[in-house]
Amino acid sequence: MRLINIGFGNMVSAARLVAVVTPDSAPMKRIIQEARDRDKLIDATLGRRTRAVLIMDSDHIVLSSILPETVAARLQGGVPLAGDEAEES
């Protein structure tokens, strides 16, 4: 099982990840609220701004404070983008 770091030492299973999207659109805000209402929301932002929404195959929604591009780079096994360490501090 391969784990992807989504910030602050939090990790998700790469095999269970369906999509990584930005939280800015109204449909994504609605999906986040519906997940919160159904107790399927996992907030891994530690109180920081939500920058990525991870949709899992278990119907859970995970909020992350790192950029979607950074999550994608980590998923592909690439080197994190410049400035990512600052986002996690």
N, C-alpha and C. Protein backbone atom coordinates (compact mmCIF):
# COMPACT_ATOMS: atom_id res chain seq x y z
N MET A 1 0.86 -1.18 0.00
CA MET A 1 0.00 0.00 0.00
C MET A 1 0.90 1.24 0.00
N ARG A 2 0.67 2.11 -0.95
CA ARG A 2 1.45 3.35 -1.08
C ARG A 2 0.67 4.50 -0.45
N LEU A 3 1.33 5.25 0.42
CA LEU A 3 0.71 6.39 1.09
C LEU A 3 1.24 7.69 0.51
N ILE A 4 0.36 8.68 0.39
CA ILE A 4 0.70 10.00 -0.13
C ILE A 4 0.60 11.00 1.01
N ASN A 5 1.66 11.78 1.22
CA ASN A 5 1.65 12.81 2.26
C ASN A 5 0.79 13.97 1.78
N ILE A 6 -0.23 14.33 2.57
CA ILE A 6 -1.11 15.44 2.20
C ILE A 6 -0.90 16.64 3.11
N GLY A 7 0.22 16.64 3.81
CA GLY A 7 0.58 17.77 4.66
C GLY A 7 0.50 17.47 6.13
N PHE A 8 1.43 18.03 6.89
CA PHE A 8 1.47 17.94 8.34
C PHE A 8 1.52 16.50 8.86
N GLY A 9 2.15 15.62 8.11
CA GLY A 9 2.28 14.23 8.52
C GLY A 9 1.05 13.39 8.27
N ASN A 10 0.03 13.94 7.64
CA ASN A 10 -1.19 13.20 7.30
C ASN A 10 -1.00 12.52 5.96
N MET A 11 -1.52 11.30 5.85
CA MET A 11 -1.34 10.54 4.62
C MET A 11 -2.64 9.85 4.23
N VAL A 12 -2.78 9.63 2.91
CA VAL A 12 -3.91 8.86 2.39
C VAL A 12 -3.37 7.77 1.47
N SER A 13 -4.16 6.75 1.30
CA SER A 13 -3.77 5.65 0.42
C SER A 13 -3.91 6.08 -1.03
N ALA A 14 -2.83 5.91 -1.80
CA ALA A 14 -2.85 6.28 -3.21
C ALA A 14 -3.85 5.44 -3.99
N ALA A 15 -4.02 4.19 -3.60
CA ALA A 15 -4.93 3.29 -4.30
C ALA A 15 -6.39 3.69 -4.11
N ARG A 16 -6.71 4.37 -3.03
CA ARG A 16 -8.11 4.75 -2.74
C ARG A 16 -8.46 6.14 -3.22
N LEU A 17 -7.48 6.88 -3.74
CA LEU A 17 -7.69 8.25 -4.19
C LEU A 17 -8.31 8.26 -5.59
N VAL A 18 -9.42 8.97 -5.72
CA VAL A 18 -10.13 9.05 -7.00
C VAL A 18 -9.81 10.36 -7.72
N ALA A 19 -9.83 11.49 -6.98
CA ALA A 19 -9.60 12.79 -7.61
C ALA A 19 -9.02 13.77 -6.61
N VAL A 20 -8.28 14.74 -7.14
CA VAL A 20 -7.76 15.86 -6.35
C VAL A 20 -8.21 17.12 -7.07
N VAL A 21 -9.02 17.94 -6.38
CA VAL A 21 -9.60 19.12 -7.02
C VAL A 21 -9.45 20.34 -6.12
N THR A 22 -9.65 21.52 -6.70
CA THR A 22 -9.63 22.76 -5.92
C THR A 22 -10.99 22.97 -5.27
N PRO A 23 -11.02 23.63 -4.12
CA PRO A 23 -12.28 23.80 -3.38
C PRO A 23 -13.07 25.05 -3.74
N ASP A 24 -12.67 25.76 -4.79
CA ASP A 24 -13.22 27.08 -5.06
C ASP A 24 -14.62 27.12 -5.67
N SER A 25 -15.00 26.10 -6.41
CA SER A 25 -16.28 26.17 -7.13
C SER A 25 -17.46 25.85 -6.20
N ALA A 26 -18.61 26.33 -6.59
CA ALA A 26 -19.82 26.09 -5.81
C ALA A 26 -20.16 24.59 -5.70
N PRO A 27 -20.01 23.80 -6.78
CA PRO A 27 -20.28 22.36 -6.63
C PRO A 27 -19.35 21.68 -5.62
N MET A 28 -18.08 22.09 -5.57
CA MET A 28 -17.17 21.50 -4.60
C MET A 28 -17.53 21.90 -3.18
N LYS A 29 -17.94 23.14 -3.00
CA LYS A 29 -18.38 23.60 -1.68
C LYS A 29 -19.61 22.81 -1.24
N ARG A 30 -20.49 22.50 -2.18
CA ARG A 30 -21.68 21.71 -1.87
C ARG A 30 -21.29 20.28 -1.50
N ILE A 31 -20.35 19.70 -2.23
CA ILE A 31 -19.88 18.34 -1.92
C ILE A 31 -19.25 18.29 -0.54
N ILE A 32 -18.47 19.31 -0.19
CA ILE A 32 -17.84 19.37 1.13
C ILE A 32 -18.91 19.44 2.22
N GLN A 33 -19.91 20.29 2.02
CA GLN A 33 -20.97 20.43 3.03
C GLN A 33 -21.78 19.14 3.17
N GLU A 34 -22.07 18.48 2.06
CA GLU A 34 -22.81 17.22 2.13
C GLU A 34 -22.00 16.15 2.85
N ALA A 35 -20.69 16.11 2.61
CA ALA A 35 -19.82 15.15 3.31
C ALA A 35 -19.79 15.45 4.80
N ARG A 36 -19.76 16.73 5.15
CA ARG A 36 -19.77 17.13 6.57
C ARG A 36 -21.08 16.66 7.22
N ASP A 37 -22.20 16.84 6.52
CA ASP A 37 -23.50 16.44 7.06
C ASP A 37 -23.61 14.93 7.25
N ARG A 38 -22.94 14.16 6.37
CA ARG A 38 -22.99 12.69 6.43
C ARG A 38 -21.85 12.10 7.27
N ASP A 39 -21.06 12.95 7.93
CA ASP A 39 -19.90 12.51 8.72
C ASP A 39 -18.90 11.75 7.87
N LYS A 40 -18.68 12.20 6.65
CA LYS A 40 -17.72 11.59 5.73
C LYS A 40 -16.59 12.56 5.39
N LEU A 41 -16.48 13.65 6.15
CA LEU A 41 -15.47 14.66 5.88
C LEU A 41 -14.29 14.48 6.83
N ILE A 42 -13.08 14.48 6.28
CA ILE A 42 -11.85 14.41 7.06
C ILE A 42 -11.08 15.69 6.80
N ASP A 43 -10.92 16.50 7.84
CA ASP A 43 -10.23 17.78 7.70
C ASP A 43 -8.79 17.63 8.16
N ALA A 44 -7.86 17.63 7.21
CA ALA A 44 -6.43 17.49 7.51
C ALA A 44 -5.70 18.81 7.32
N THR A 45 -6.40 19.93 7.46
CA THR A 45 -5.79 21.24 7.22
C THR A 45 -5.15 21.83 8.47
N LEU A 46 -5.46 21.31 9.64
CA LEU A 46 -4.98 21.85 10.91
C LEU A 46 -5.33 23.33 11.05
N GLY A 47 -6.51 23.71 10.61
CA GLY A 47 -6.99 25.08 10.75
C GLY A 47 -6.52 26.04 9.68
N ARG A 48 -5.76 25.56 8.74
CA ARG A 48 -5.29 26.43 7.66
C ARG A 48 -6.28 26.42 6.50
N ARG A 49 -5.99 27.25 5.53
CA ARG A 49 -6.86 27.38 4.35
C ARG A 49 -6.88 26.07 3.56
N THR A 50 -8.06 25.66 3.13
CA THR A 50 -8.20 24.46 2.30
C THR A 50 -7.79 24.80 0.88
N ARG A 51 -6.80 24.07 0.36
CA ARG A 51 -6.32 24.31 -1.00
C ARG A 51 -6.59 23.14 -1.92
N ALA A 52 -6.84 21.96 -1.35
CA ALA A 52 -7.13 20.78 -2.17
C ALA A 52 -8.20 19.94 -1.50
N VAL A 53 -9.06 19.37 -2.32
CA VAL A 53 -10.08 18.45 -1.86
C VAL A 53 -9.77 17.11 -2.50
N LEU A 54 -9.61 16.09 -1.66
CA LEU A 54 -9.31 14.75 -2.14
C LEU A 54 -10.58 13.91 -2.03
N ILE A 55 -10.98 13.33 -3.14
CA ILE A 55 -12.17 12.49 -3.17
C ILE A 55 -11.70 11.04 -3.17
N MET A 56 -12.17 10.30 -2.18
CA MET A 56 -11.73 8.92 -2.00
C MET A 56 -12.80 7.95 -2.51
N ASP A 57 -12.41 6.72 -2.82
CA ASP A 57 -13.37 5.75 -3.32
C ASP A 57 -14.32 5.23 -2.24
N SER A 58 -14.03 5.54 -0.98
CA SER A 58 -14.89 5.13 0.13
C SER A 58 -15.99 6.15 0.40
N ASP A 59 -16.14 7.14 -0.48
CA ASP A 59 -17.12 8.21 -0.35
C ASP A 59 -16.71 9.24 0.70
N HIS A 60 -15.47 9.20 1.17
CA HIS A 60 -14.97 10.20 2.08
C HIS A 60 -14.37 11.35 1.28
N ILE A 61 -14.42 12.54 1.89
CA ILE A 61 -13.82 13.73 1.32
C ILE A 61 -12.75 14.18 2.30
N VAL A 62 -11.53 14.39 1.81
CA VAL A 62 -10.41 14.80 2.64
C VAL A 62 -9.98 16.20 2.23
N LEU A 63 -9.88 17.10 3.20
CA LEU A 63 -9.43 18.46 2.94
C LEU A 63 -7.96 18.57 3.27
N SER A 64 -7.19 19.21 2.39
CA SER A 64 -5.76 19.38 2.58
C SER A 64 -5.38 20.84 2.38
N SER A 65 -4.34 21.27 3.06
CA SER A 65 -3.90 22.66 2.92
C SER A 65 -2.75 22.80 1.93
N ILE A 66 -2.41 21.73 1.22
CA ILE A 66 -1.38 21.85 0.17
C ILE A 66 -2.07 21.91 -1.19
N LEU A 67 -1.39 22.44 -2.16
CA LEU A 67 -1.97 22.64 -3.49
C LEU A 67 -2.24 21.31 -4.20
N PRO A 68 -3.28 21.26 -5.04
CA PRO A 68 -3.55 20.04 -5.80
C PRO A 68 -2.37 19.60 -6.66
N GLU A 69 -1.63 20.56 -7.22
CA GLU A 69 -0.47 20.22 -8.04
C GLU A 69 0.60 19.50 -7.22
N THR A 70 0.74 19.90 -5.96
CA THR A 70 1.71 19.26 -5.07
C THR A 70 1.28 17.83 -4.75
N VAL A 71 0.00 17.64 -4.49
CA VAL A 71 -0.51 16.30 -4.22
C VAL A 71 -0.29 15.42 -5.45
N ALA A 72 -0.57 15.96 -6.63
CA ALA A 72 -0.37 15.20 -7.87
C ALA A 72 1.09 14.83 -8.07
N ALA A 73 2.00 15.76 -7.78
CA ALA A 73 3.43 15.48 -7.91
C ALA A 73 3.86 14.37 -6.95
N ARG A 74 3.33 14.42 -5.74
CA ARG A 74 3.65 13.38 -4.76
C ARG A 74 3.04 12.04 -5.17
N LEU A 75 1.89 12.08 -5.78
CA LEU A 75 1.24 10.86 -6.25
C LEU A 75 2.05 10.20 -7.36
N GLN A 76 2.64 11.02 -8.22
CA GLN A 76 3.44 10.51 -9.31
C GLN A 76 4.85 10.16 -8.88
N GLY A 77 5.17 10.42 -7.62
CA GLY A 77 6.49 10.09 -7.11
C GLY A 77 7.54 11.13 -7.41
N GLY A 78 7.08 12.30 -7.85
CA GLY A 78 8.01 13.38 -8.18
C GLY A 78 8.46 14.12 -6.94
N VAL A 79 9.37 15.05 -7.17
CA VAL A 79 9.86 15.90 -6.10
C VAL A 79 8.81 16.96 -5.81
N PRO A 80 8.52 17.29 -4.53
CA PRO A 80 7.56 18.35 -4.24
C PRO A 80 7.98 19.67 -4.89
N LEU A 81 6.99 20.46 -5.26
CA LEU A 81 7.27 21.73 -5.91
C LEU A 81 7.94 22.70 -4.95
N ALA A 82 8.66 23.67 -5.46
CA ALA A 82 9.36 24.65 -4.62
C ALA A 82 8.36 25.40 -3.76
N GLY A 83 8.71 25.59 -2.50
CA GLY A 83 7.85 26.33 -1.58
C GLY A 83 6.86 25.47 -0.83
N ASP A 84 6.82 24.18 -1.07
CA ASP A 84 5.86 23.33 -0.39
C ASP A 84 6.14 23.18 1.09
N GLU A 85 7.42 23.21 1.47
CA GLU A 85 7.76 23.08 2.87
C GLU A 85 7.19 24.26 3.66
N ALA A 86 7.18 25.44 3.05
CA ALA A 86 6.66 26.63 3.71
C ALA A 86 5.16 26.50 3.94
N GLU A 87 4.45 25.81 3.07
CA GLU A 87 3.01 25.64 3.22
C GLU A 87 2.68 24.77 4.42
N GLU A 88 3.57 23.87 4.78
CA GLU A 88 3.31 22.96 5.87
C GLU A 88 3.73 23.51 7.22
N SER A 89 4.41 24.67 7.27
CA SER A 89 4.88 25.22 8.55
C SER A 89 3.79 26.01 9.23
